[in-house]
Every structure is written in C-alpha cells, then in structure tokens.
C-alpha cells in the first residue's frame, strides 16, 4: 500500500506515489485501489519479480485478503523496521520449508519475529471457530517461545479466554491496530532492564 511504502522508505506519501508510478511505468509493479477505505496496493509483476530475483510466486490481487495483508504489513513495519524488535520471517518464507499444503503441515503463523527468541505473530481480524482457534493456539504455543496475537477489541475477549486456557503460558493478546507509543515504551523498558 502506498502509505506503507512511504513508511518503508521514510518519505512522504507523494514521494511514494511518484516511486510507485515509475515502477508501474517500467512494468515492475501493478497498483490498484482494492478496498474503498484503504490506499492503493502495490505488488510485483513477473518482470519485477525476475528483476529482484524474488523467491516467491507473483501475487494476484485477492480482495478477501486485502485487510489482512495490510494489517500484517503494518505490524512488520512497526515491530521490525521502526522498533527493531528482531528479524521478520513472513508466512510465505515459512511455507517454503514445508513440501506442500498437506495434512502434515502445521498451521503457519502470519510471521515469526526472531531475536533471542522465536515469536509467532498472528493477526486475527475475523474469529475462526473456537475448536480451530484452540488447536492453533496450542500448536503455536508448543512450537514457539512466544505467541503474539493482534486483534481488534471485539475479538479480544474470545482470544483472551483461549490464551488463558492454553496449556502453555506464552500466548499474549494485543490490540490491533497497535499503539506505536505503547510499543515504544515497551521497547524502552526492555532496554532499560536488559
């Protein structure tokens, strides 16, 4: 999205729009407004993917995933780029370590934040069935040092209930969208008490 591109390059929305236009004119990216309430998305074409030697298949715009992709990208920009909490491993990267989307493949988190720990990051914008969510929470709690769920206020009570009943005490529920000032204070405290 254009506002995220501006954050990524540390420049204005106008500068990001100009950069996006140059990339589109060169045939490296596509851009379109995919949701009424969101800025235009920007994504690689096959030509752009070859140019940067991307390990991923090109993406076709999927209206059902737009809000989720926006949320995960916002978290990545905050946690990895702005607060420098660790290195971000996206779900697509994690999926490459598994042969296929088979029954034996575990649920993959939206990302893993790697520092001295491996923290599974999940964005929950719509509530899954209680049984499925409980299975995912338990599995991620077992597989990772910590699990951070980000959810809007309306979903947080159900997630809190599952987190408190999970067999592991490493699942925490956070507000989405996150308050960057709260997270900056948390980062400052971590540094002060390290």
Protein backbone atom coordinates (compact mmCIF):
# COMPACT_ATOMS: atom_id res chain seq x y z
CA UNK A 1 0.00 0.00 0.00
CA UNK A 2 1.21 3.47 -0.73
CA UNK A 3 1.16 4.68 2.88
CA UNK A 4 3.22 1.64 3.88
CA UNK A 5 5.67 2.26 1.03
CA UNK A 6 6.09 5.83 2.33
CA UNK A 7 6.82 4.47 5.84
CA UNK A 8 9.23 1.89 4.44
CA UNK A 9 11.31 4.43 2.53
CA UNK A 10 10.93 7.14 5.19
CA UNK A 11 9.46 9.66 2.77
CA UNK A 12 6.17 11.40 2.06
CA UNK A 13 3.07 9.82 0.54
CA UNK A 14 3.65 11.98 -2.54
CA UNK A 15 7.20 10.65 -2.96
CA UNK A 16 5.93 7.07 -2.56
CA UNK A 17 3.26 7.71 -5.20
CA UNK A 18 5.93 9.01 -7.62
CA UNK A 19 8.10 5.96 -6.97
CA UNK A 20 5.12 3.64 -7.48
CA UNK A 21 4.31 5.41 -10.77
CA UNK A 22 7.88 4.95 -12.02
CA UNK A 23 7.82 1.26 -11.09
CA UNK A 24 4.44 0.75 -12.78
CA UNK A 25 5.60 2.57 -15.94
CA UNK A 26 8.69 0.33 -16.04
CA UNK A 27 6.41 -2.73 -15.81
CA UNK A 28 7.84 -3.85 -12.44
CA UNK A 29 4.68 -3.40 -10.36
CA UNK A 30 0.92 -3.23 -10.58
CA UNK A 31 -1.12 -0.88 -8.43
CA UNK A 32 -4.83 -0.63 -7.76
CA UNK A 33 -7.27 0.53 -5.14
CA UNK A 34 -8.60 -2.79 -3.84
CA UNK A 35 -10.75 -1.54 -0.98
CA UNK A 36 -12.75 1.65 -0.55
CA UNK A 37 -11.26 2.54 2.84
CA UNK A 38 -7.61 1.67 2.02
CA UNK A 39 -4.92 3.37 -0.09
CA UNK A 40 -3.87 1.71 -3.35
CA UNK A 41 -1.97 -1.55 -3.12
CA UNK A 42 1.31 -2.08 -4.98
CA UNK A 43 2.56 -5.54 -5.94
CA UNK A 44 5.23 -7.06 -8.17
CA UNK A 45 4.67 -8.16 -11.75
CA UNK A 46 6.52 -11.18 -13.14
CA UNK A 47 9.03 -8.78 -14.68
CA UNK A 48 9.58 -7.06 -11.32
CA UNK A 49 9.87 -10.41 -9.56
CA UNK A 50 12.55 -11.56 -12.01
CA UNK A 51 14.38 -8.24 -11.70
CA UNK A 52 14.80 -8.58 -7.92
CA UNK A 53 15.15 -12.38 -8.08
CA UNK A 54 12.22 -12.89 -5.69
CA UNK A 55 11.90 -16.43 -4.30
CA UNK A 56 8.08 -16.07 -4.30
CA UNK A 57 5.44 -16.52 -6.97
CA UNK A 58 3.82 -13.32 -8.11
CA UNK A 59 0.62 -12.40 -6.35
CA UNK A 60 -2.76 -11.86 -7.97
CA UNK A 61 -4.85 -9.28 -6.17
CA UNK A 62 -7.21 -11.01 -3.76
CA UNK A 63 -9.92 -8.77 -2.33
CA UNK A 64 -10.58 -11.19 0.54
CA UNK A 65 -7.01 -10.87 1.83
CA UNK A 66 -6.50 -7.12 1.45
CA UNK A 67 -7.33 -6.17 5.06
CA UNK A 68 -5.24 -9.00 6.49
CA UNK A 69 -2.22 -8.22 4.31
CA UNK A 70 -2.47 -4.55 5.27
CA UNK A 71 -2.58 -5.46 8.99
CA UNK A 72 0.36 -7.87 8.82
CA UNK A 73 2.43 -5.35 6.86
CA UNK A 74 1.63 -2.61 9.38
CA UNK A 75 2.87 -4.87 12.18
CA UNK A 76 6.02 -5.72 10.25
CA UNK A 77 6.82 -2.05 9.71
CA UNK A 78 6.26 -1.29 13.40
CA UNK A 79 7.95 -4.30 15.02
CA UNK A 80 10.83 -4.95 12.63
CA UNK A 81 11.62 -1.65 10.94
CA UNK A 82 10.61 1.05 13.42
CA UNK A 83 11.15 -0.63 16.81
CA UNK A 84 13.82 -3.10 15.65
CA UNK A 85 12.45 -5.95 17.78
CA UNK A 86 14.00 -8.57 15.52
CA UNK A 87 14.12 -10.07 12.05
CA UNK A 88 10.78 -10.79 10.37
CA UNK A 89 10.14 -14.15 8.68
CA UNK A 90 6.95 -13.90 6.65
CA UNK A 91 4.46 -16.74 6.24
CA UNK A 92 5.48 -17.25 2.60
CA UNK A 93 9.07 -17.80 3.72
CA UNK A 94 7.96 -20.22 6.44
CA UNK A 95 5.81 -22.13 3.91
CA UNK A 96 8.85 -22.80 1.73
CA UNK A 97 10.26 -25.05 4.43
CA UNK A 98 7.27 -27.41 4.08
CA UNK A 99 6.71 -29.61 1.00
CA UNK A 100 3.09 -28.61 0.38
CA UNK A 101 -0.15 -27.58 1.97
CA UNK A 102 -0.74 -31.10 3.24
CA UNK A 103 -2.37 -32.53 6.34
CA UNK A 104 1.06 -32.96 7.90
CA UNK A 105 1.96 -29.28 7.61
CA UNK A 106 1.25 -27.40 10.83
CA UNK A 107 -0.57 -24.09 10.94
CA UNK A 108 1.90 -21.40 9.98
CA UNK A 109 1.77 -18.07 11.80
CA UNK A 110 1.48 -14.86 9.80
CA UNK A 111 5.12 -14.26 10.68
CA UNK A 112 7.88 -15.12 13.10
CA UNK A 113 9.81 -12.34 14.78
CA UNK A 114 13.32 -13.61 15.51
CA UNK A 115 15.58 -12.08 18.14
CA UNK A 116 16.94 -14.13 21.02
CA UNK A 117 13.55 -15.89 20.83
CA UNK A 118 11.21 -17.02 18.06
CA UNK A 119 7.91 -15.18 18.44
CA UNK A 120 4.94 -16.30 16.35
CA UNK A 121 2.89 -13.31 15.20
CA UNK A 122 -0.79 -13.78 14.36
CA UNK A 123 -3.28 -11.21 13.16
CA UNK A 124 -6.88 -12.21 13.84
CA UNK A 125 -9.36 -9.86 12.13
CA UNK A 126 -12.20 -12.38 11.94
CA UNK A 127 -12.75 -15.06 14.52
CA UNK A 128 -12.22 -18.67 13.47
CA UNK A 129 -14.24 -21.46 15.05
CA UNK A 130 -13.40 -21.98 18.71
CA UNK A 131 -12.11 -25.53 18.10
CA UNK A 132 -9.85 -24.50 15.22
CA UNK A 133 -8.53 -21.47 17.09
CA UNK A 134 -7.85 -23.56 20.22
CA UNK A 135 -5.87 -26.05 18.14
CA UNK A 136 -3.85 -23.25 16.52
CA UNK A 137 -3.14 -21.53 19.85
CA UNK A 138 -1.98 -24.80 21.42
CA UNK A 139 0.20 -25.75 18.45
CA UNK A 140 1.85 -22.32 18.17
CA UNK A 141 2.38 -22.23 21.93
CA UNK A 142 4.23 -25.53 21.66
CA UNK A 143 6.28 -24.60 18.55
CA UNK A 144 7.41 -21.07 19.51
CA UNK A 145 8.93 -19.30 22.51
CA UNK A 146 6.09 -16.75 22.49
CA UNK A 147 2.91 -16.17 20.53
CA UNK A 148 1.63 -12.64 19.98
CA UNK A 149 -1.95 -12.34 18.77
CA UNK A 150 -3.10 -8.96 17.43
CA UNK A 151 -6.85 -8.45 17.20
CA UNK A 152 -9.45 -5.69 17.21
CA UNK A 153 -11.22 -5.03 20.51
CA UNK A 154 -14.35 -7.02 19.55
CA UNK A 155 -12.35 -10.26 19.16
CA UNK A 156 -10.01 -9.89 22.11
CA UNK A 157 -12.29 -11.41 24.82
CA UNK A 158 -12.55 -14.74 22.97
CA UNK A 159 -8.80 -14.77 22.34
CA UNK A 160 -8.05 -13.91 25.98
CA UNK A 161 -10.20 -16.84 27.08
CA UNK A 162 -8.35 -19.24 24.76
CA UNK A 163 -4.94 -17.87 25.78
CA UNK A 164 -5.65 -18.30 29.50
CA UNK A 165 -6.88 -21.86 29.00
CA UNK A 166 -3.95 -22.84 26.74
CA UNK A 167 -1.53 -25.41 28.20
CA UNK A 168 1.42 -23.02 27.76
CA UNK A 169 1.84 -19.64 29.39
CA UNK A 170 3.41 -17.95 26.36
CA UNK A 171 0.41 -16.60 24.42
CA UNK A 172 -0.39 -12.89 24.72
CA UNK A 173 -3.17 -10.88 23.14
CA UNK A 174 -2.52 -7.36 21.86
CA UNK A 175 -4.68 -4.61 20.43
CA UNK A 176 -4.91 -4.13 16.67
CA UNK A 177 -4.19 -1.62 15.45
CA UNK A 178 -1.35 -1.37 17.94
CA UNK A 179 -0.49 1.92 19.61
CA UNK A 180 3.09 2.65 18.45
CA UNK A 181 3.73 4.76 21.58
CA UNK A 182 2.82 1.82 23.86
CA UNK A 183 5.18 -0.44 21.94
CA UNK A 184 7.95 2.17 22.01
CA UNK A 185 7.59 2.42 25.81
CA UNK A 186 7.78 -1.37 25.98
CA UNK A 187 10.96 -1.35 23.88
CA UNK A 188 12.47 1.35 26.11
CA UNK A 189 11.70 -0.69 29.23
CA UNK A 190 13.21 -3.82 27.68
CA UNK A 191 16.41 -1.91 27.00
CA UNK A 192 16.45 -0.31 30.48
CA UNK A 193 16.07 -3.66 32.25
CA UNK A 194 18.20 -5.77 29.93
